[in-house]
Amino acid sequence: MDNIVQVNKDLFLNISEAVKIEAHGNSFRISIRGNNGALTEYYCHADAPGYSKLKELLAKAK
């Protein structure tokens, strides 16, 4: 469960499935490839419940 991040009140993402995570202003853009091969982008804004956890996980990954 360490890689699960809540990006808004209804959406949780497993960031280990992310193709790319990049800083985008005061948020993070998370790109995940779905089962059909399509790339979907999600944003985790600074006021999102999982923002600090995502920031912490990315710092550990460096």
C-alpha atoms as a PDB file:
ATOM      1  CA  MET A   1       0.000   0.000   0.000  1.00  0.00           C
ATOM      2  CA  ASP A   2       3.022   2.294   0.111  1.00  0.00           C
ATOM      3  CA  ASN A   3       2.664   3.208  -3.567  1.00  0.00           C
ATOM      4  CA  ILE A   4      -1.033   4.116  -3.389  1.00  0.00           C
ATOM      5  CA  VAL A   5      -1.587   7.876  -3.493  1.00  0.00           C
ATOM      6  CA  GLN A   6      -4.907   9.692  -3.124  1.00  0.00           C
ATOM      7  CA  VAL A   7      -4.932  12.363  -5.850  1.00  0.00           C
ATOM      8  CA  ASN A   8      -8.423  13.678  -5.050  1.00  0.00           C
ATOM      9  CA  LYS A   9     -11.341  12.724  -2.803  1.00  0.00           C
ATOM     10  CA  ASP A  10     -12.452   9.832  -5.041  1.00  0.00           C
ATOM     11  CA  LEU A  11      -9.328   8.683  -6.872  1.00  0.00           C
ATOM     12  CA  PHE A  12      -6.425   6.586  -5.639  1.00  0.00           C
ATOM     13  CA  LEU A  13      -3.525   5.714  -7.953  1.00  0.00           C
ATOM     14  CA  ASN A  14      -0.845   3.062  -7.695  1.00  0.00           C
ATOM     15  CA  ILE A  15       2.120   5.172  -8.690  1.00  0.00           C
ATOM     16  CA  SER A  16       4.269   2.094  -9.297  1.00  0.00           C
ATOM     17  CA  GLU A  17       2.225   1.758 -12.516  1.00  0.00           C
ATOM     18  CA  ALA A  18       3.125   5.286 -13.625  1.00  0.00           C
ATOM     19  CA  VAL A  19       4.980   5.708 -16.901  1.00  0.00           C
ATOM     20  CA  LYS A  20       6.067   9.214 -15.917  1.00  0.00           C
ATOM     21  CA  ILE A  21       5.642  11.572 -12.952  1.00  0.00           C
ATOM     22  CA  GLU A  22       6.678  15.174 -13.386  1.00  0.00           C
ATOM     23  CA  ALA A  23       6.341  18.427 -11.486  1.00  0.00           C
ATOM     24  CA  HIS A  24       3.856  20.751 -13.142  1.00  0.00           C
ATOM     25  CA  GLY A  25       3.658  24.074 -11.306  1.00  0.00           C
ATOM     26  CA  ASN A  26       2.360  23.376  -7.792  1.00  0.00           C
ATOM     27  CA  SER A  27       1.105  19.923  -8.762  1.00  0.00           C
ATOM     28  CA  PHE A  28       2.357  16.653 -10.198  1.00  0.00           C
ATOM     29  CA  ARG A  29       1.319  15.187 -13.534  1.00  0.00           C
ATOM     30  CA  ILE A  30       1.109  11.388 -13.366  1.00  0.00           C
ATOM     31  CA  SER A  31       0.957   9.451 -16.639  1.00  0.00           C
ATOM     32  CA  ILE A  32      -0.362   5.869 -16.512  1.00  0.00           C
ATOM     33  CA  ARG A  33      -0.871   3.511 -19.458  1.00  0.00           C
ATOM     34  CA  GLY A  34      -4.175   1.644 -19.282  1.00  0.00           C
ATOM     35  CA  ASN A  35      -4.980  -1.914 -20.301  1.00  0.00           C
ATOM     36  CA  ASN A  36      -5.947  -0.738 -23.782  1.00  0.00           C
ATOM     37  CA  GLY A  37      -2.562   0.975 -24.232  1.00  0.00           C
ATOM     38  CA  ALA A  38      -3.920   4.505 -23.976  1.00  0.00           C
ATOM     39  CA  LEU A  39      -1.945   6.954 -21.864  1.00  0.00           C
ATOM     40  CA  THR A  40      -4.001   8.832 -19.267  1.00  0.00           C
ATOM     41  CA  GLU A  41      -2.720  11.825 -17.334  1.00  0.00           C
ATOM     42  CA  TYR A  42      -3.810  12.612 -13.795  1.00  0.00           C
ATOM     43  CA  TYR A  43      -2.950  15.674 -11.742  1.00  0.00           C
ATOM     44  CA  CYS A  44      -2.198  15.678  -8.037  1.00  0.00           C
ATOM     45  CA  HIS A  45      -2.547  19.289  -6.863  1.00  0.00           C
ATOM     46  CA  ALA A  46      -0.944  20.742  -3.738  1.00  0.00           C
ATOM     47  CA  ASP A  47      -4.239  20.611  -1.837  1.00  0.00           C
ATOM     48  CA  ALA A  48      -4.831  16.910  -2.646  1.00  0.00           C
ATOM     49  CA  PRO A  49      -4.775  14.460   0.275  1.00  0.00           C
ATOM     50  CA  GLY A  50      -1.852  12.490  -1.212  1.00  0.00           C
ATOM     51  CA  TYR A  51       0.317  15.397  -2.407  1.00  0.00           C
ATOM     52  CA  SER A  52       2.781  15.299   0.503  1.00  0.00           C
ATOM     53  CA  LYS A  53       3.010  11.491   0.323  1.00  0.00           C
ATOM     54  CA  LEU A  54       3.728  11.648  -3.416  1.00  0.00           C
ATOM     55  CA  LYS A  55       6.352  14.341  -2.872  1.00  0.00           C
ATOM     56  CA  GLU A  56       7.968  12.204  -0.155  1.00  0.00           C
ATOM     57  CA  LEU A  57       7.971   9.045  -2.318  1.00  0.00           C
ATOM     58  CA  LEU A  58       9.571  10.916  -5.209  1.00  0.00           C
ATOM     59  CA  ALA A  59      12.266  12.334  -2.924  1.00  0.00           C
ATOM     60  CA  LYS A  60      13.107   8.798  -1.721  1.00  0.00           C
ATOM     61  CA  ALA A  61      13.306   7.549  -5.312  1.00  0.00           C
ATOM     62  CA  LYS A  62      16.071   9.985  -6.255  1.00  0.00           C
END
